[in-house]
Protein backbone atom coordinates (compact mmCIF):
# COMPACT_ATOMS: atom_id res chain seq x y z
CA UNK A 1 -9.46 16.73 -15.16
CA UNK A 2 -11.23 16.34 -11.83
CA UNK A 3 -12.19 12.76 -12.66
CA UNK A 4 -8.55 11.86 -13.35
CA UNK A 5 -7.52 13.07 -9.90
CA UNK A 6 -10.44 11.19 -8.37
CA UNK A 7 -9.24 8.00 -10.09
CA UNK A 8 -5.70 8.59 -8.83
CA UNK A 9 -7.06 9.12 -5.32
CA UNK A 10 -9.07 5.90 -5.55
CA UNK A 11 -6.04 3.97 -6.80
CA UNK A 12 -3.96 5.29 -3.90
CA UNK A 13 -6.67 4.27 -1.44
CA UNK A 14 -6.84 0.78 -2.94
CA UNK A 15 -3.06 0.55 -2.74
CA UNK A 16 -3.20 1.31 0.98
CA UNK A 17 -5.69 -1.52 1.42
CA UNK A 18 -3.46 -3.86 -0.59
CA UNK A 19 -0.55 -3.02 1.70
CA UNK A 20 -2.65 -3.72 4.78
CA UNK A 21 -3.91 -7.03 3.37
CA UNK A 22 -0.35 -8.04 2.45
CA UNK A 23 0.91 -7.33 5.98
CA UNK A 24 -1.97 -9.22 7.60
CA UNK A 25 -1.49 -12.18 5.25
CA UNK A 26 2.23 -12.29 6.01
CA UNK A 27 1.41 -12.40 9.76
CA UNK A 28 -1.13 -15.18 9.18
CA UNK A 29 1.41 -17.16 7.17
CA UNK A 30 4.06 -16.66 9.86
CA UNK A 31 1.73 -18.03 12.55
CA UNK A 32 0.56 -20.92 10.29
CA UNK A 33 -3.04 -19.73 10.20
CA UNK A 34 -3.24 -19.86 6.41
CA UNK A 35 -1.52 -22.33 4.14
CA UNK A 36 0.53 -21.06 1.20
CA UNK A 37 0.03 -24.38 -0.62
CA UNK A 38 -3.58 -23.35 -1.22
CA UNK A 39 -3.74 -22.15 -4.84
CA UNK A 40 -5.98 -19.12 -4.13
CA UNK A 41 -3.87 -17.97 -1.18
CA UNK A 42 -0.74 -18.39 -3.25
CA UNK A 43 -2.19 -16.35 -6.14
CA UNK A 44 -3.37 -13.53 -3.87
CA UNK A 45 -0.07 -13.43 -2.00
CA UNK A 46 1.92 -13.42 -5.25
CA UNK A 47 -0.17 -10.56 -6.67
CA UNK A 48 0.18 -8.51 -3.48
CA UNK A 49 3.92 -9.19 -3.37
CA UNK A 50 4.37 -8.02 -6.96
CA UNK A 51 2.55 -4.73 -6.42
CA UNK A 52 3.94 -3.91 -2.97
CA UNK A 53 7.54 -5.11 -3.04
CA UNK A 54 9.03 -2.63 -5.60
CA UNK A 55 8.13 0.49 -3.54
CA UNK A 56 8.95 -1.25 -0.24
CA UNK A 57 12.47 -2.28 -1.27
CA UNK A 58 14.02 1.24 -1.28
CA UNK A 59 12.25 2.08 1.98
CA UNK A 60 13.74 -1.03 3.61
CA UNK A 61 17.21 0.15 2.58
CA UNK A 62 16.64 3.53 4.25
CA UNK A 63 14.99 2.39 7.49
CA UNK A 64 17.19 0.91 10.22
CA UNK A 65 16.93 -2.80 10.99
CA UNK A 66 14.47 -3.30 13.86
CA UNK A 67 15.09 -7.02 14.31
CA UNK A 68 12.01 -8.97 13.26
CA UNK A 69 9.81 -5.90 12.82
CA UNK A 70 9.41 -4.49 9.33
CA UNK A 71 8.24 -0.87 9.45
CA UNK A 72 8.50 -0.26 5.70
CA UNK A 73 4.77 -0.92 5.00
CA UNK A 74 3.87 1.63 7.66
CA UNK A 75 6.26 4.16 6.14
CA UNK A 76 4.80 3.56 2.67
CA UNK A 77 1.25 3.92 3.96
CA UNK A 78 2.18 7.23 5.59
CA UNK A 79 3.80 8.37 2.34
CA UNK A 80 0.68 7.51 0.31
CA UNK A 81 -1.52 9.30 2.87
CA UNK A 82 0.78 12.34 2.57
CA UNK A 83 0.43 12.30 -1.22
CA UNK A 84 -3.36 12.07 -0.96
CA UNK A 85 -3.52 14.94 1.54
CA UNK A 86 -1.26 17.10 -0.64
CA UNK A 87 -3.57 16.46 -3.58
CA UNK A 88 -6.47 17.67 -1.48
CA UNK A 89 -4.56 20.61 0.01
CA UNK A 90 -3.56 21.99 -3.35
CA UNK A 91 -7.09 21.68 -4.60
CA UNK A 92 -6.56 18.89 -7.07
CA UNK A 93 -9.55 16.99 -5.73
CA UNK A 94 -12.08 19.79 -5.42
CA UNK A 95 -14.60 20.08 -8.26
CA UNK A 96 -14.99 23.83 -7.73
CA UNK A 97 -11.47 24.40 -9.05
CA UNK A 98 -12.42 23.06 -12.44
CA UNK A 99 -15.71 24.93 -12.47
């Protein structure tokens, strides 16, 4: 059971990194640093969009409009960090619990 919670924790950590990469790539596209016509960039951006957009959409509906600033990735990262810390707090990620 411990290994399952470790896998979940790892997946949540990877998801945080995917969110960060998606935000940075969107900034780089906005400032014309990277070209979306590049096939690899397009594939990576499409993958990141597909895995990050469904959880971001409801958060965008809740958060107020801040003009050109999108705070939904930050809110989602904080939510994932909260879930990870709750898993640790309730002992789901400590091997001693499963003895």
